[in-house]
């Protein structure tokens, strides 16, 4: 009789243990589901688990933000070609080299087994290929609404990794920085933004990839009618002399992509030397890594704003 009673008790305990195990598994599944976010972005909607351990990053601005938020160890790989010097920690062997910004190595990306891929404009045509490997989000910056899209991108990263407080602190500091620079812009003075590339010059105005100088910081454009396009409006030295800007901001593409830096010899010719910008030593050679390669990151945007602010002192 005692043996039968003991057997019955053991069976009841076993049933109870199975039931508890099932409840615990259900609870764990619910918690996992609760930690999954739906990220809306320009190329669609993507379900992303919070705190992904292995992230492939094809946008240097996002890489900048991850570093600024203390998330470097979550990066699994990136395109190391043209990596900005200030992000050189990511050149270490522990980070996989996954091709170029415009030529991702999908075989290596697959080998990296990421939990999340982050891309931007240069890889937008390959969104489906990235998505076949892992959940993929787009983090491009909208030139027509630079600060809002930048803030949205930072807050997206912060929400995925639970870094909202740290991100807010840094974004608030940048907002103050922007306000201070905007207040320091001299009235009646104009600026012109140039991209120097292979002996040629292109101008960029409001709404362009470098347009935050006008749109956010309030520098009056020397020519408000410049067509906003990815490659800018091709211009001549005669054009620059005619517009006679008080400030000229130059982005050297050659220096950004590891080529020969020739911007000064291209820009500062006899005609441009007649402008107010040259006469008053207001031709400003911007850091091409921030402006051309990694704009839209917490560090890069702060440095970009600082560069313009320093030029106005």
C-alpha atoms as a PDB file:
ATOM      1  CA  UNK A   1       0.000   0.000   0.000  1.00  0.00           C
ATOM      2  CA  UNK A   2       2.813   2.349   0.911  1.00  0.00           C
ATOM      3  CA  UNK A   3       4.522   1.609  -2.392  1.00  0.00           C
ATOM      4  CA  UNK A   4       1.347   2.441  -4.329  1.00  0.00           C
ATOM      5  CA  UNK A   5       0.945   5.678  -2.384  1.00  0.00           C
ATOM      6  CA  UNK A   6       4.575   6.620  -3.038  1.00  0.00           C
ATOM      7  CA  UNK A   7       4.198   5.889  -6.777  1.00  0.00           C
ATOM      8  CA  UNK A   8       1.074   8.025  -6.950  1.00  0.00           C
ATOM      9  CA  UNK A   9       2.858  10.926  -5.243  1.00  0.00           C
ATOM     10  CA  UNK A  10       5.787  10.668  -7.656  1.00  0.00           C
ATOM     11  CA  UNK A  11       3.418  10.730 -10.621  1.00  0.00           C
ATOM     12  CA  UNK A  12       1.693  13.817  -9.255  1.00  0.00           C
ATOM     13  CA  UNK A  13       5.043  15.525  -8.745  1.00  0.00           C
ATOM     14  CA  UNK A  14       6.073  14.655 -12.299  1.00  0.00           C
ATOM     15  CA  UNK A  15       2.838  16.085 -13.708  1.00  0.00           C
ATOM     16  CA  UNK A  16       3.311  19.229 -11.600  1.00  0.00           C
ATOM     17  CA  UNK A  17       6.892  19.615 -12.804  1.00  0.00           C
ATOM     18  CA  UNK A  18       5.853  19.281 -16.455  1.00  0.00           C
ATOM     19  CA  UNK A  19       3.077  21.823 -15.941  1.00  0.00           C
ATOM     20  CA  UNK A  20       5.490  24.258 -14.265  1.00  0.00           C
ATOM     21  CA  UNK A  21       8.001  23.730 -17.056  1.00  0.00           C
ATOM     22  CA  UNK A  22       5.337  24.462 -19.648  1.00  0.00           C
ATOM     23  CA  UNK A  23       4.257  27.599 -17.782  1.00  0.00           C
ATOM     24  CA  UNK A  24       7.855  28.785 -17.534  1.00  0.00           C
ATOM     25  CA  UNK A  25       8.452  28.168 -21.259  1.00  0.00           C
ATOM     26  CA  UNK A  26       5.255  30.034 -22.128  1.00  0.00           C
ATOM     27  CA  UNK A  27       6.320  32.921 -19.897  1.00  0.00           C
ATOM     28  CA  UNK A  28       9.796  32.964 -21.494  1.00  0.00           C
ATOM     29  CA  UNK A  29       8.239  32.967 -24.974  1.00  0.00           C
ATOM     30  CA  UNK A  30       5.955  35.850 -24.000  1.00  0.00           C
ATOM     31  CA  UNK A  31       8.890  37.821 -22.598  1.00  0.00           C
ATOM     32  CA  UNK A  32      10.866  37.236 -25.805  1.00  0.00           C
ATOM     33  CA  UNK A  33       7.924  38.392 -27.909  1.00  0.00           C
ATOM     34  CA  UNK A  34       7.528  41.460 -25.686  1.00  0.00           C
ATOM     35  CA  UNK A  35      11.144  42.398 -26.355  1.00  0.00           C
ATOM     36  CA  UNK A  36      10.629  42.370 -30.122  1.00  0.00           C
ATOM     37  CA  UNK A  37      10.236  45.802 -31.692  1.00  0.00           C
ATOM     38  CA  UNK A  38       8.701  46.775 -35.010  1.00  0.00           C
ATOM     39  CA  UNK A  39      10.980  49.356 -36.599  1.00  0.00           C
ATOM     40  CA  UNK A  40       9.440  51.521 -39.318  1.00  0.00           C
ATOM     41  CA  UNK A  41      11.923  52.929 -41.806  1.00  0.00           C
ATOM     42  CA  UNK A  42      12.068  54.281 -45.339  1.00  0.00           C
ATOM     43  CA  UNK A  43      12.245  50.830 -46.942  1.00  0.00           C
ATOM     44  CA  UNK A  44       9.542  49.125 -44.872  1.00  0.00           C
ATOM     45  CA  UNK A  45       8.886  47.653 -41.437  1.00  0.00           C
ATOM     46  CA  UNK A  46      11.237  45.234 -39.684  1.00  0.00           C
ATOM     47  CA  UNK A  47      10.774  43.189 -36.524  1.00  0.00           C
ATOM     48  CA  UNK A  48      13.902  43.433 -34.414  1.00  0.00           C
ATOM     49  CA  UNK A  49      14.691  41.724 -31.128  1.00  0.00           C
ATOM     50  CA  UNK A  50      15.978  44.006 -28.418  1.00  0.00           C
ATOM     51  CA  UNK A  51      19.685  43.908 -27.641  1.00  0.00           C
ATOM     52  CA  UNK A  52      20.858  41.988 -30.727  1.00  0.00           C
ATOM     53  CA  UNK A  53      24.278  40.543 -29.991  1.00  0.00           C
ATOM     54  CA  UNK A  54      25.680  40.568 -33.539  1.00  0.00           C
ATOM     55  CA  UNK A  55      25.044  43.596 -35.726  1.00  0.00           C
ATOM     56  CA  UNK A  56      26.344  44.171 -39.245  1.00  0.00           C
ATOM     57  CA  UNK A  57      26.687  47.908 -39.927  1.00  0.00           C
ATOM     58  CA  UNK A  58      26.962  49.424 -43.418  1.00  0.00           C
ATOM     59  CA  UNK A  59      26.390  53.022 -42.375  1.00  0.00           C
ATOM     60  CA  UNK A  60      29.306  54.858 -40.770  1.00  0.00           C
ATOM     61  CA  UNK A  61      26.996  57.381 -39.106  1.00  0.00           C
ATOM     62  CA  UNK A  62      25.233  54.522 -37.317  1.00  0.00           C
ATOM     63  CA  UNK A  63      28.596  52.968 -36.470  1.00  0.00           C
ATOM     64  CA  UNK A  64      29.551  56.317 -34.934  1.00  0.00           C
ATOM     65  CA  UNK A  65      26.331  56.320 -32.879  1.00  0.00           C
ATOM     66  CA  UNK A  66      26.833  52.749 -31.678  1.00  0.00           C
ATOM     67  CA  UNK A  67      30.319  53.682 -30.482  1.00  0.00           C
ATOM     68  CA  UNK A  68      29.045  56.845 -28.778  1.00  0.00           C
ATOM     69  CA  UNK A  69      26.406  54.811 -26.918  1.00  0.00           C
ATOM     70  CA  UNK A  70      28.946  52.232 -25.731  1.00  0.00           C
ATOM     71  CA  UNK A  71      27.745  49.482 -28.074  1.00  0.00           C
ATOM     72  CA  UNK A  72      30.934  48.693 -30.004  1.00  0.00           C
ATOM     73  CA  UNK A  73      30.957  45.100 -28.743  1.00  0.00           C
ATOM     74  CA  UNK A  74      27.616  44.465 -30.448  1.00  0.00           C
ATOM     75  CA  UNK A  75      29.142  45.142 -33.874  1.00  0.00           C
ATOM     76  CA  UNK A  76      29.953  41.911 -35.719  1.00  0.00           C
ATOM     77  CA  UNK A  77      31.241  43.376 -38.970  1.00  0.00           C
ATOM     78  CA  UNK A  78      31.376  46.333 -41.332  1.00  0.00           C
ATOM     79  CA  UNK A  79      32.920  47.492 -44.625  1.00  0.00           C
ATOM     80  CA  UNK A  80      36.436  48.521 -43.582  1.00  0.00           C
ATOM     81  CA  UNK A  81      37.319  50.190 -46.872  1.00  0.00           C
ATOM     82  CA  UNK A  82      37.266  54.013 -46.410  1.00  0.00           C
ATOM     83  CA  UNK A  83      36.708  53.598 -42.661  1.00  0.00           C
ATOM     84  CA  UNK A  84      37.026  57.061 -41.039  1.00  0.00           C
ATOM     85  CA  UNK A  85      40.122  57.408 -38.871  1.00  0.00           C
ATOM     86  CA  UNK A  86      38.130  58.387 -35.799  1.00  0.00           C
ATOM     87  CA  UNK A  87      36.334  55.021 -36.056  1.00  0.00           C
ATOM     88  CA  UNK A  88      39.591  53.127 -36.438  1.00  0.00           C
ATOM     89  CA  UNK A  89      38.865  50.892 -33.430  1.00  0.00           C
ATOM     90  CA  UNK A  90      36.590  48.964 -35.795  1.00  0.00           C
ATOM     91  CA  UNK A  91      39.563  48.076 -38.006  1.00  0.00           C
ATOM     92  CA  UNK A  92      40.497  45.447 -35.394  1.00  0.00           C
ATOM     93  CA  UNK A  93      40.449  41.796 -36.457  1.00  0.00           C
ATOM     94  CA  UNK A  94      37.562  40.954 -34.136  1.00  0.00           C
ATOM     95  CA  UNK A  95      35.279  42.871 -36.517  1.00  0.00           C
ATOM     96  CA  UNK A  96      34.656  41.077 -39.830  1.00  0.00           C
ATOM     97  CA  UNK A  97      35.518  42.972 -43.017  1.00  0.00           C
ATOM     98  CA  UNK A  98      32.391  42.701 -45.157  1.00  0.00           C
ATOM     99  CA  UNK A  99      33.326  44.338 -48.455  1.00  0.00           C
ATOM    100  CA  UNK A 100      32.823  47.933 -49.583  1.00  0.00           C
ATOM    101  CA  UNK A 101      30.078  50.461 -48.934  1.00  0.00           C
ATOM    102  CA  UNK A 102      28.754  49.989 -52.450  1.00  0.00           C
ATOM    103  CA  UNK A 103      29.886  46.383 -52.879  1.00  0.00           C
ATOM    104  CA  UNK A 104      28.804  44.314 -49.860  1.00  0.00           C
ATOM    105  CA  UNK A 105      30.270  40.812 -49.628  1.00  0.00           C
ATOM    106  CA  UNK A 106      27.081  38.848 -48.979  1.00  0.00           C
ATOM    107  CA  UNK A 107      28.909  35.568 -48.507  1.00  0.00           C
ATOM    108  CA  UNK A 108      30.914  37.058 -45.630  1.00  0.00           C
ATOM    109  CA  UNK A 109      27.838  38.790 -44.237  1.00  0.00           C
ATOM    110  CA  UNK A 110      26.081  35.433 -44.141  1.00  0.00           C
ATOM    111  CA  UNK A 111      29.104  33.882 -42.404  1.00  0.00           C
ATOM    112  CA  UNK A 112      28.937  36.612 -39.754  1.00  0.00           C
ATOM    113  CA  UNK A 113      25.449  35.299 -38.847  1.00  0.00           C
ATOM    114  CA  UNK A 114      24.111  38.696 -37.760  1.00  0.00           C
ATOM    115  CA  UNK A 115      21.009  39.251 -35.644  1.00  0.00           C
ATOM    116  CA  UNK A 116      20.515  42.611 -37.346  1.00  0.00           C
ATOM    117  CA  UNK A 117      21.761  44.438 -40.441  1.00  0.00           C
ATOM    118  CA  UNK A 118      21.829  48.245 -40.626  1.00  0.00           C
ATOM    119  CA  UNK A 119      22.180  49.911 -44.031  1.00  0.00           C
ATOM    120  CA  UNK A 120      21.769  53.364 -45.601  1.00  0.00           C
ATOM    121  CA  UNK A 121      21.561  55.012 -49.015  1.00  0.00           C
ATOM    122  CA  UNK A 122      24.552  53.380 -50.670  1.00  0.00           C
ATOM    123  CA  UNK A 123      23.105  49.899 -50.039  1.00  0.00           C
ATOM    124  CA  UNK A 124      19.388  50.621 -50.455  1.00  0.00           C
ATOM    125  CA  UNK A 125      19.168  48.691 -53.738  1.00  0.00           C
ATOM    126  CA  UNK A 126      20.409  45.581 -51.896  1.00  0.00           C
ATOM    127  CA  UNK A 127      17.850  45.753 -49.085  1.00  0.00           C
ATOM    128  CA  UNK A 128      16.223  42.443 -50.075  1.00  0.00           C
ATOM    129  CA  UNK A 129      19.566  40.636 -50.151  1.00  0.00           C
ATOM    130  CA  UNK A 130      20.408  41.895 -46.683  1.00  0.00           C
ATOM    131  CA  UNK A 131      16.917  40.950 -45.463  1.00  0.00           C
ATOM    132  CA  UNK A 132      17.345  37.391 -46.720  1.00  0.00           C
ATOM    133  CA  UNK A 133      20.235  37.032 -44.266  1.00  0.00           C
ATOM    134  CA  UNK A 134      18.854  38.832 -41.200  1.00  0.00           C
ATOM    135  CA  UNK A 135      16.344  41.523 -40.153  1.00  0.00           C
ATOM    136  CA  UNK A 136      17.476  44.742 -41.853  1.00  0.00           C
ATOM    137  CA  UNK A 137      16.721  48.388 -41.115  1.00  0.00           C
ATOM    138  CA  UNK A 138      17.496  51.482 -43.162  1.00  0.00           C
ATOM    139  CA  UNK A 139      19.174  54.417 -41.391  1.00  0.00           C
ATOM    140  CA  UNK A 140      19.666  57.001 -44.110  1.00  0.00           C
ATOM    141  CA  UNK A 141      19.512  60.718 -43.302  1.00  0.00           C
ATOM    142  CA  UNK A 142      16.880  62.833 -45.056  1.00  0.00           C
ATOM    143  CA  UNK A 143      18.718  65.909 -46.341  1.00  0.00           C
ATOM    144  CA  UNK A 144      15.447  67.845 -46.504  1.00  0.00           C
ATOM    145  CA  UNK A 145      14.855  67.336 -42.774  1.00  0.00           C
ATOM    146  CA  UNK A 146      18.324  66.550 -41.500  1.00  0.00           C
ATOM    147  CA  UNK A 147      17.990  66.975 -37.746  1.00  0.00           C
ATOM    148  CA  UNK A 148      14.657  65.180 -37.428  1.00  0.00           C
ATOM    149  CA  UNK A 149      15.857  62.153 -39.391  1.00  0.00           C
ATOM    150  CA  UNK A 150      19.174  62.151 -37.511  1.00  0.00           C
ATOM    151  CA  UNK A 151      17.348  62.219 -34.174  1.00  0.00           C
ATOM    152  CA  UNK A 152      14.949  59.491 -35.320  1.00  0.00           C
ATOM    153  CA  UNK A 153      17.859  57.258 -36.325  1.00  0.00           C
ATOM    154  CA  UNK A 154      19.626  57.769 -32.994  1.00  0.00           C
ATOM    155  CA  UNK A 155      16.430  57.123 -31.035  1.00  0.00           C
ATOM    156  CA  UNK A 156      15.798  53.960 -33.052  1.00  0.00           C
ATOM    157  CA  UNK A 157      19.211  52.596 -32.095  1.00  0.00           C
ATOM    158  CA  UNK A 158      18.657  53.685 -28.492  1.00  0.00           C
ATOM    159  CA  UNK A 159      15.293  51.882 -28.306  1.00  0.00           C
ATOM    160  CA  UNK A 160      16.736  48.658 -29.718  1.00  0.00           C
ATOM    161  CA  UNK A 161      19.502  48.592 -27.110  1.00  0.00           C
ATOM    162  CA  UNK A 162      17.798  50.285 -24.156  1.00  0.00           C
ATOM    163  CA  UNK A 163      20.058  53.353 -24.298  1.00  0.00           C
ATOM    164  CA  UNK A 164      17.343  56.006 -24.382  1.00  0.00           C
ATOM    165  CA  UNK A 165      18.669  58.075 -21.473  1.00  0.00           C
ATOM    166  CA  UNK A 166      22.221  58.174 -22.795  1.00  0.00           C
ATOM    167  CA  UNK A 167      21.009  59.092 -26.293  1.00  0.00           C
ATOM    168  CA  UNK A 168      18.757  61.877 -24.968  1.00  0.00           C
ATOM    169  CA  UNK A 169      21.624  63.432 -23.057  1.00  0.00           C
ATOM    170  CA  UNK A 170      23.810  63.569 -26.165  1.00  0.00           C
ATOM    171  CA  UNK A 171      20.996  64.766 -28.439  1.00  0.00           C
ATOM    172  CA  UNK A 172      20.130  67.551 -25.980  1.00  0.00           C
ATOM    173  CA  UNK A 173      23.774  68.660 -25.998  1.00  0.00           C
ATOM    174  CA  UNK A 174      23.740  68.829 -29.815  1.00  0.00           C
ATOM    175  CA  UNK A 175      20.484  70.809 -29.793  1.00  0.00           C
ATOM    176  CA  UNK A 176      22.105  73.396 -27.535  1.00  0.00           C
ATOM    177  CA  UNK A 177      25.183  73.449 -29.731  1.00  0.00           C
ATOM    178  CA  UNK A 178      22.999  74.077 -32.818  1.00  0.00           C
ATOM    179  CA  UNK A 179      21.160  76.910 -31.087  1.00  0.00           C
ATOM    180  CA  UNK A 180      24.438  78.556 -30.056  1.00  0.00           C
ATOM    181  CA  UNK A 181      25.887  78.376 -33.574  1.00  0.00           C
ATOM    182  CA  UNK A 182      22.673  79.628 -35.158  1.00  0.00           C
ATOM    183  CA  UNK A 183      22.718  82.629 -32.832  1.00  0.00           C
ATOM    184  CA  UNK A 184      26.300  83.434 -33.865  1.00  0.00           C
ATOM    185  CA  UNK A 185      25.691  83.616 -37.637  1.00  0.00           C
ATOM    186  CA  UNK A 186      26.483  87.184 -38.774  1.00  0.00           C
ATOM    187  CA  UNK A 187      23.626  89.006 -40.458  1.00  0.00           C
ATOM    188  CA  UNK A 188      23.952  89.821 -44.126  1.00  0.00           C
ATOM    189  CA  UNK A 189      26.735  87.311 -44.750  1.00  0.00           C
ATOM    190  CA  UNK A 190      26.380  84.470 -47.254  1.00  0.00           C
ATOM    191  CA  UNK A 191      27.914  81.038 -47.635  1.00  0.00           C
ATOM    192  CA  UNK A 192      28.567  78.618 -50.468  1.00  0.00           C
ATOM    193  CA  UNK A 193      29.198  74.874 -50.053  1.00  0.00           C
ATOM    194  CA  UNK A 194      31.507  73.159 -52.551  1.00  0.00           C
ATOM    195  CA  UNK A 195      32.485  69.533 -53.143  1.00  0.00           C
ATOM    196  CA  UNK A 196      35.904  69.276 -54.787  1.00  0.00           C
ATOM    197  CA  UNK A 197      36.449  66.082 -56.760  1.00  0.00           C
ATOM    198  CA  UNK A 198      38.982  65.195 -59.455  1.00  0.00           C
ATOM    199  CA  UNK A 199      39.680  68.800 -60.398  1.00  0.00           C
ATOM    200  CA  UNK A 200      36.001  69.726 -60.581  1.00  0.00           C
ATOM    201  CA  UNK A 201      33.667  71.605 -58.234  1.00  0.00           C
ATOM    202  CA  UNK A 202      30.009  71.067 -57.392  1.00  0.00           C
ATOM    203  CA  UNK A 203      27.853  73.412 -55.340  1.00  0.00           C
ATOM    204  CA  UNK A 204      25.323  72.327 -52.729  1.00  0.00           C
ATOM    205  CA  UNK A 205      22.556  74.490 -51.314  1.00  0.00           C
ATOM    206  CA  UNK A 206      19.531  74.189 -49.024  1.00  0.00           C
ATOM    207  CA  UNK A 207      17.957  70.728 -48.898  1.00  0.00           C
ATOM    208  CA  UNK A 208      21.140  69.029 -50.070  1.00  0.00           C
ATOM    209  CA  UNK A 209      23.339  66.421 -48.380  1.00  0.00           C
ATOM    210  CA  UNK A 210      25.466  69.210 -46.856  1.00  0.00           C
ATOM    211  CA  UNK A 211      22.565  71.628 -46.523  1.00  0.00           C
ATOM    212  CA  UNK A 212      22.450  71.631 -42.734  1.00  0.00           C
ATOM    213  CA  UNK A 213      24.852  74.597 -42.954  1.00  0.00           C
ATOM    214  CA  UNK A 214      21.909  76.561 -44.380  1.00  0.00           C
ATOM    215  CA  UNK A 215      18.824  74.660 -43.206  1.00  0.00           C
ATOM    216  CA  UNK A 216      19.833  73.959 -39.602  1.00  0.00           C
ATOM    217  CA  UNK A 217      22.589  76.417 -38.737  1.00  0.00           C
ATOM    218  CA  UNK A 218      21.145  79.376 -40.585  1.00  0.00           C
ATOM    219  CA  UNK A 219      23.962  80.463 -42.898  1.00  0.00           C
ATOM    220  CA  UNK A 220      22.352  82.407 -45.766  1.00  0.00           C
ATOM    221  CA  UNK A 221      23.007  80.675 -49.119  1.00  0.00           C
ATOM    222  CA  UNK A 222      24.944  82.715 -51.665  1.00  0.00           C
ATOM    223  CA  UNK A 223      22.691  81.113 -54.261  1.00  0.00           C
ATOM    224  CA  UNK A 224      19.290  79.919 -52.964  1.00  0.00           C
ATOM    225  CA  UNK A 225      18.470  78.338 -56.340  1.00  0.00           C
ATOM    226  CA  UNK A 226      21.077  75.556 -56.385  1.00  0.00           C
ATOM    227  CA  UNK A 227      19.427  72.326 -57.419  1.00  0.00           C
ATOM    228  CA  UNK A 228      19.371  69.852 -54.526  1.00  0.00           C
ATOM    229  CA  UNK A 229      20.829  66.618 -55.882  1.00  0.00           C
ATOM    230  CA  UNK A 230      23.146  63.847 -54.738  1.00  0.00           C
ATOM    231  CA  UNK A 231      26.017  64.975 -56.926  1.00  0.00           C
ATOM    232  CA  UNK A 232      25.450  68.715 -56.569  1.00  0.00           C
ATOM    233  CA  UNK A 233      25.354  71.386 -59.248  1.00  0.00           C
ATOM    234  CA  UNK A 234      28.493  71.605 -61.370  1.00  0.00           C
ATOM    235  CA  UNK A 235      29.955  75.100 -61.073  1.00  0.00           C
ATOM    236  CA  UNK A 236      32.873  77.110 -62.409  1.00  0.00           C
ATOM    237  CA  UNK A 237      35.264  79.584 -60.831  1.00  0.00           C
ATOM    238  CA  UNK A 238      33.414  82.330 -62.701  1.00  0.00           C
ATOM    239  CA  UNK A 239      30.199  81.286 -60.963  1.00  0.00           C
ATOM    240  CA  UNK A 240      31.854  81.450 -57.539  1.00  0.00           C
ATOM    241  CA  UNK A 241      33.338  84.868 -58.262  1.00  0.00           C
ATOM    242  CA  UNK A 242      29.943  86.107 -59.443  1.00  0.00           C
ATOM    243  CA  UNK A 243      28.148  84.902 -56.286  1.00  0.00           C
ATOM    244  CA  UNK A 244      30.962  86.346 -54.151  1.00  0.00           C
ATOM    245  CA  UNK A 245      30.169  84.417 -50.926  1.00  0.00           C
ATOM    246  CA  UNK A 246      31.443  85.620 -47.557  1.00  0.00           C
ATOM    247  CA  UNK A 247      32.154  82.017 -46.534  1.00  0.00           C
ATOM    248  CA  UNK A 248      33.097  79.066 -48.695  1.00  0.00           C
ATOM    249  CA  UNK A 249      32.794  75.590 -47.164  1.00  0.00           C
ATOM    250  CA  UNK A 250      34.743  72.895 -48.999  1.00  0.00           C
ATOM    251  CA  UNK A 251      34.344  69.110 -48.782  1.00  0.00           C
ATOM    252  CA  UNK A 252      37.303  67.254 -50.315  1.00  0.00           C
ATOM    253  CA  UNK A 253      35.969  63.985 -51.721  1.00  0.00           C
ATOM    254  CA  UNK A 254      39.417  62.736 -52.734  1.00  0.00           C
ATOM    255  CA  UNK A 255      40.665  62.996 -49.162  1.00  0.00           C
ATOM    256  CA  UNK A 256      37.508  61.279 -47.881  1.00  0.00           C
ATOM    257  CA  UNK A 257      37.904  58.148 -49.990  1.00  0.00           C
ATOM    258  CA  UNK A 258      41.635  57.792 -49.570  1.00  0.00           C
ATOM    259  CA  UNK A 259      42.665  59.474 -52.795  1.00  0.00           C
ATOM    260  CA  UNK A 260      44.762  62.545 -53.447  1.00  0.00           C
ATOM    261  CA  UNK A 261      43.755  65.728 -51.650  1.00  0.00           C
ATOM    262  CA  UNK A 262      43.643  68.472 -54.275  1.00  0.00           C
ATOM    263  CA  UNK A 263      40.799  70.661 -53.060  1.00  0.00           C
ATOM    264  CA  UNK A 264      42.877  73.720 -52.222  1.00  0.00           C
ATOM    265  CA  UNK A 265      44.582  73.874 -55.603  1.00  0.00           C
ATOM    266  CA  UNK A 266      41.218  73.450 -57.346  1.00  0.00           C
ATOM    267  CA  UNK A 267      39.295  75.994 -55.298  1.00  0.00           C
ATOM    268  CA  UNK A 268      41.807  78.762 -54.634  1.00  0.00           C
ATOM    269  CA  UNK A 269      42.446  80.048 -58.139  1.00  0.00           C
ATOM    270  CA  UNK A 270      42.790  83.662 -59.252  1.00  0.00           C
ATOM    271  CA  UNK A 271      39.055  84.188 -59.720  1.00  0.00           C
ATOM    272  CA  UNK A 272      38.059  82.751 -56.337  1.00  0.00           C
ATOM    273  CA  UNK A 273      40.770  84.857 -54.684  1.00  0.00           C
ATOM    274  CA  UNK A 274      38.674  87.894 -55.574  1.00  0.00           C
ATOM    275  CA  UNK A 275      35.807  86.775 -53.331  1.00  0.00           C
ATOM    276  CA  UNK A 276      35.079  88.099 -49.858  1.00  0.00           C
ATOM    277  CA  UNK A 277      35.571  84.575 -48.528  1.00  0.00           C
ATOM    278  CA  UNK A 278      39.183  84.427 -49.679  1.00  0.00           C
ATOM    279  CA  UNK A 279      40.016  88.016 -48.757  1.00  0.00           C
ATOM    280  CA  UNK A 280      38.780  87.498 -45.193  1.00  0.00           C
ATOM    281  CA  UNK A 281      40.318  84.036 -44.776  1.00  0.00           C
ATOM    282  CA  UNK A 282      36.880  82.406 -44.717  1.00  0.00           C
ATOM    283  CA  UNK A 283      37.488  79.457 -47.024  1.00  0.00           C
ATOM    284  CA  UNK A 284      36.853  76.535 -44.675  1.00  0.00           C
ATOM    285  CA  UNK A 285      38.037  73.020 -45.490  1.00  0.00           C
ATOM    286  CA  UNK A 286      35.613  70.772 -43.651  1.00  0.00           C
ATOM    287  CA  UNK A 287      36.585  67.373 -42.252  1.00  0.00           C
ATOM    288  CA  UNK A 288      35.596  65.113 -45.190  1.00  0.00           C
ATOM    289  CA  UNK A 289      35.242  62.036 -42.987  1.00  0.00           C
ATOM    290  CA  UNK A 290      32.389  63.623 -41.054  1.00  0.00           C
ATOM    291  CA  UNK A 291      30.743  65.388 -43.969  1.00  0.00           C
ATOM    292  CA  UNK A 292      31.168  62.833 -46.753  1.00  0.00           C
ATOM    293  CA  UNK A 293      31.435  59.444 -45.023  1.00  0.00           C
ATOM    294  CA  UNK A 294      29.826  59.394 -41.608  1.00  0.00           C
ATOM    295  CA  UNK A 295      27.364  62.256 -41.290  1.00  0.00           C
ATOM    296  CA  UNK A 296      24.337  61.442 -39.161  1.00  0.00           C
ATOM    297  CA  UNK A 297      26.212  59.994 -36.162  1.00  0.00           C
ATOM    298  CA  UNK A 298      26.228  61.376 -32.635  1.00  0.00           C
ATOM    299  CA  UNK A 299      29.902  62.302 -32.831  1.00  0.00           C
ATOM    300  CA  UNK A 300      29.978  63.358 -36.481  1.00  0.00           C
ATOM    301  CA  UNK A 301      26.995  65.720 -36.215  1.00  0.00           C
ATOM    302  CA  UNK A 302      28.420  67.328 -33.075  1.00  0.00           C
ATOM    303  CA  UNK A 303      31.746  67.841 -34.868  1.00  0.00           C
ATOM    304  CA  UNK A 304      30.074  69.149 -38.021  1.00  0.00           C
ATOM    305  CA  UNK A 305      28.153  71.747 -36.044  1.00  0.00           C
ATOM    306  CA  UNK A 306      31.337  72.671 -34.180  1.00  0.00           C
ATOM    307  CA  UNK A 307      33.291  73.150 -37.430  1.00  0.00           C
ATOM    308  CA  UNK A 308      30.728  75.621 -38.766  1.00  0.00           C
ATOM    309  CA  UNK A 309      30.531  77.365 -35.410  1.00  0.00           C
ATOM    310  CA  UNK A 310      34.315  77.743 -35.264  1.00  0.00           C
ATOM    311  CA  UNK A 311      34.353  79.218 -38.785  1.00  0.00           C
ATOM    312  CA  UNK A 312      32.049  82.029 -37.701  1.00  0.00           C
ATOM    313  CA  UNK A 313      34.165  83.211 -34.769  1.00  0.00           C
END
